[in-house]
Amino acid sequence: MEKRVSLMDRTARPGTAAASPEVPRRVESGESVVHLATVLRVLMYSGLAIILLGTALALARHGNLPTPVTQVTALPGQLAGLHSDAILSLGILIFLCSPATALAY
């Protein structure tokens, strides 16, 4: 059995436990990892479904995909009116928020 050297031990030589302290690792429980994977999967599929819906609406109404960008402040009103560019913007925003959700988890 190894003797653990305190970080405050000044007699330790380079290469010993005091010179290279152990970094505590965060051990994830299996349940939280599965929950995070489920959240990310739901975000990915919902973003994909919303983008496909916006694409289908744009192609059906206009024959092409919209090029203007919808402002975030105008997004709720345009979503209520089922504007295809707003629906596409929402899908893209969901995709962009997914990694941040994983980091915040």
C-alpha atoms as a PDB file:
ATOM      1  CA  MET A   1       0.000   0.000   0.000  1.00  0.00           C
ATOM      2  CA  GLU A   2       1.343   3.419  -1.025  1.00  0.00           C
ATOM      3  CA  LYS A   3       1.661   6.211   1.435  1.00  0.00           C
ATOM      4  CA  ARG A   4      -0.175   9.354   0.273  1.00  0.00           C
ATOM      5  CA  VAL A   5       1.870  12.510   0.529  1.00  0.00           C
ATOM      6  CA  SER A   6       0.091  15.703   1.487  1.00  0.00           C
ATOM      7  CA  LEU A   7       0.194  18.674  -0.861  1.00  0.00           C
ATOM      8  CA  MET A   8       1.649  20.652   2.023  1.00  0.00           C
ATOM      9  CA  ASP A   9       4.612  18.263   2.381  1.00  0.00           C
ATOM     10  CA  ARG A  10       7.643  20.303   1.291  1.00  0.00           C
ATOM     11  CA  THR A  11      10.048  17.371   1.513  1.00  0.00           C
ATOM     12  CA  ALA A  12       8.541  15.662  -1.515  1.00  0.00           C
ATOM     13  CA  ARG A  13      10.715  15.369  -4.582  1.00  0.00           C
ATOM     14  CA  PRO A  14       9.612  16.131  -8.174  1.00  0.00           C
ATOM     15  CA  GLY A  15       7.651  13.248  -9.608  1.00  0.00           C
ATOM     16  CA  THR A  16       6.106  12.265  -6.300  1.00  0.00           C
ATOM     17  CA  ALA A  17       2.480  12.684  -5.279  1.00  0.00           C
ATOM     18  CA  ALA A  18       3.109  16.112  -3.733  1.00  0.00           C
ATOM     19  CA  ALA A  19       4.734  17.460  -6.888  1.00  0.00           C
ATOM     20  CA  SER A  20       1.952  16.160  -9.157  1.00  0.00           C
ATOM     21  CA  PRO A  21      -1.314  16.363  -7.200  1.00  0.00           C
ATOM     22  CA  GLU A  22      -4.220  14.202  -8.164  1.00  0.00           C
ATOM     23  CA  VAL A  23      -7.009  16.103  -9.858  1.00  0.00           C
ATOM     24  CA  PRO A  24     -10.372  14.989  -8.528  1.00  0.00           C
ATOM     25  CA  ARG A  25     -12.575  13.703 -11.324  1.00  0.00           C
ATOM     26  CA  ARG A  26     -16.309  14.069 -11.399  1.00  0.00           C
ATOM     27  CA  VAL A  27     -17.724  10.603 -11.675  1.00  0.00           C
ATOM     28  CA  GLU A  28     -21.063  10.555 -13.425  1.00  0.00           C
ATOM     29  CA  SER A  29     -23.618   8.073 -12.330  1.00  0.00           C
ATOM     30  CA  GLY A  30     -24.998   5.874 -15.066  1.00  0.00           C
ATOM     31  CA  GLU A  31     -28.460   7.327 -14.596  1.00  0.00           C
ATOM     32  CA  SER A  32     -27.415  10.951 -15.169  1.00  0.00           C
ATOM     33  CA  VAL A  33     -25.422  10.049 -18.287  1.00  0.00           C
ATOM     34  CA  VAL A  34     -28.423   8.234 -19.728  1.00  0.00           C
ATOM     35  CA  HIS A  35     -30.653  11.192 -18.867  1.00  0.00           C
ATOM     36  CA  LEU A  36     -28.299  13.644 -20.595  1.00  0.00           C
ATOM     37  CA  ALA A  37     -28.122  11.424 -23.682  1.00  0.00           C
ATOM     38  CA  THR A  38     -31.916  11.299 -23.776  1.00  0.00           C
ATOM     39  CA  VAL A  39     -32.194  15.093 -23.483  1.00  0.00           C
ATOM     40  CA  LEU A  40     -29.680  15.609 -26.303  1.00  0.00           C
ATOM     41  CA  ARG A  41     -31.425  13.022 -28.479  1.00  0.00           C
ATOM     42  CA  VAL A  42     -34.807  14.711 -27.965  1.00  0.00           C
ATOM     43  CA  LEU A  43     -33.310  18.126 -28.800  1.00  0.00           C
ATOM     44  CA  MET A  44     -31.673  16.752 -31.936  1.00  0.00           C
ATOM     45  CA  TYR A  45     -34.828  15.027 -33.200  1.00  0.00           C
ATOM     46  CA  SER A  46     -37.076  17.972 -32.390  1.00  0.00           C
ATOM     47  CA  GLY A  47     -34.703  20.391 -34.148  1.00  0.00           C
ATOM     48  CA  LEU A  48     -34.567  18.099 -37.160  1.00  0.00           C
ATOM     49  CA  ALA A  49     -38.359  17.737 -37.273  1.00  0.00           C
ATOM     50  CA  ILE A  50     -38.859  21.508 -37.040  1.00  0.00           C
ATOM     51  CA  ILE A  51     -36.319  22.135 -39.820  1.00  0.00           C
ATOM     52  CA  LEU A  52     -38.011  19.538 -42.030  1.00  0.00           C
ATOM     53  CA  LEU A  53     -41.404  21.123 -41.339  1.00  0.00           C
ATOM     54  CA  GLY A  54     -40.077  24.586 -42.206  1.00  0.00           C
ATOM     55  CA  THR A  55     -38.454  23.243 -45.372  1.00  0.00           C
ATOM     56  CA  ALA A  56     -41.659  21.521 -46.478  1.00  0.00           C
ATOM     57  CA  LEU A  57     -43.724  24.668 -45.825  1.00  0.00           C
ATOM     58  CA  ALA A  58     -41.259  26.879 -47.699  1.00  0.00           C
ATOM     59  CA  LEU A  59     -41.128  24.573 -50.702  1.00  0.00           C
ATOM     60  CA  ALA A  60     -44.918  24.179 -50.773  1.00  0.00           C
ATOM     61  CA  ARG A  61     -45.637  27.911 -50.453  1.00  0.00           C
ATOM     62  CA  HIS A  62     -42.783  29.578 -52.325  1.00  0.00           C
ATOM     63  CA  GLY A  63     -41.027  26.860 -54.314  1.00  0.00           C
ATOM     64  CA  ASN A  64     -37.669  27.675 -52.718  1.00  0.00           C
ATOM     65  CA  LEU A  65     -36.049  28.064 -49.326  1.00  0.00           C
ATOM     66  CA  PRO A  66     -36.155  31.470 -47.634  1.00  0.00           C
ATOM     67  CA  THR A  67     -32.962  33.486 -47.477  1.00  0.00           C
ATOM     68  CA  PRO A  68     -33.825  36.215 -44.937  1.00  0.00           C
ATOM     69  CA  VAL A  69     -32.922  35.722 -41.322  1.00  0.00           C
ATOM     70  CA  THR A  70     -35.702  36.091 -38.780  1.00  0.00           C
ATOM     71  CA  GLN A  71     -34.891  38.334 -35.841  1.00  0.00           C
ATOM     72  CA  VAL A  72     -35.293  36.718 -32.439  1.00  0.00           C
ATOM     73  CA  THR A  73     -37.664  39.458 -31.302  1.00  0.00           C
ATOM     74  CA  ALA A  74     -39.967  38.812 -34.287  1.00  0.00           C
ATOM     75  CA  LEU A  75     -39.782  35.032 -33.965  1.00  0.00           C
ATOM     76  CA  PRO A  76     -42.852  34.423 -31.730  1.00  0.00           C
ATOM     77  CA  GLY A  77     -45.178  36.463 -33.931  1.00  0.00           C
ATOM     78  CA  GLN A  78     -43.916  34.850 -37.116  1.00  0.00           C
ATOM     79  CA  LEU A  79     -44.147  31.370 -35.582  1.00  0.00           C
ATOM     80  CA  ALA A  80     -47.798  32.070 -34.742  1.00  0.00           C
ATOM     81  CA  GLY A  81     -48.340  32.951 -38.407  1.00  0.00           C
ATOM     82  CA  LEU A  82     -46.534  29.753 -39.503  1.00  0.00           C
ATOM     83  CA  HIS A  83     -43.901  31.628 -41.523  1.00  0.00           C
ATOM     84  CA  SER A  84     -41.471  29.081 -42.944  1.00  0.00           C
ATOM     85  CA  ASP A  85     -38.386  31.227 -42.323  1.00  0.00           C
ATOM     86  CA  ALA A  86     -39.314  31.538 -38.634  1.00  0.00           C
ATOM     87  CA  ILE A  87     -39.832  27.781 -38.354  1.00  0.00           C
ATOM     88  CA  LEU A  88     -36.427  27.147 -39.940  1.00  0.00           C
ATOM     89  CA  SER A  89     -34.835  29.682 -37.597  1.00  0.00           C
ATOM     90  CA  LEU A  90     -36.371  27.958 -34.587  1.00  0.00           C
ATOM     91  CA  GLY A  91     -35.004  24.581 -35.710  1.00  0.00           C
ATOM     92  CA  ILE A  92     -31.540  26.040 -36.145  1.00  0.00           C
ATOM     93  CA  LEU A  93     -31.735  27.721 -32.729  1.00  0.00           C
ATOM     94  CA  ILE A  94     -32.627  24.380 -31.147  1.00  0.00           C
ATOM     95  CA  PHE A  95     -29.580  22.789 -32.799  1.00  0.00           C
ATOM     96  CA  LEU A  96     -27.369  25.624 -31.564  1.00  0.00           C
ATOM     97  CA  CYS A  97     -28.672  25.337 -28.004  1.00  0.00           C
ATOM     98  CA  SER A  98     -28.081  21.578 -27.742  1.00  0.00           C
ATOM     99  CA  PRO A  99     -24.324  21.689 -26.934  1.00  0.00           C
ATOM    100  CA  ALA A 100     -24.881  24.492 -24.426  1.00  0.00           C
ATOM    101  CA  THR A 101     -27.544  22.369 -22.765  1.00  0.00           C
ATOM    102  CA  ALA A 102     -25.040  19.527 -22.407  1.00  0.00           C
ATOM    103  CA  LEU A 103     -22.460  21.856 -20.879  1.00  0.00           C
ATOM    104  CA  ALA A 104     -24.973  23.350 -18.472  1.00  0.00           C
ATOM    105  CA  TYR A 105     -26.173  19.912 -17.418  1.00  0.00           C
END
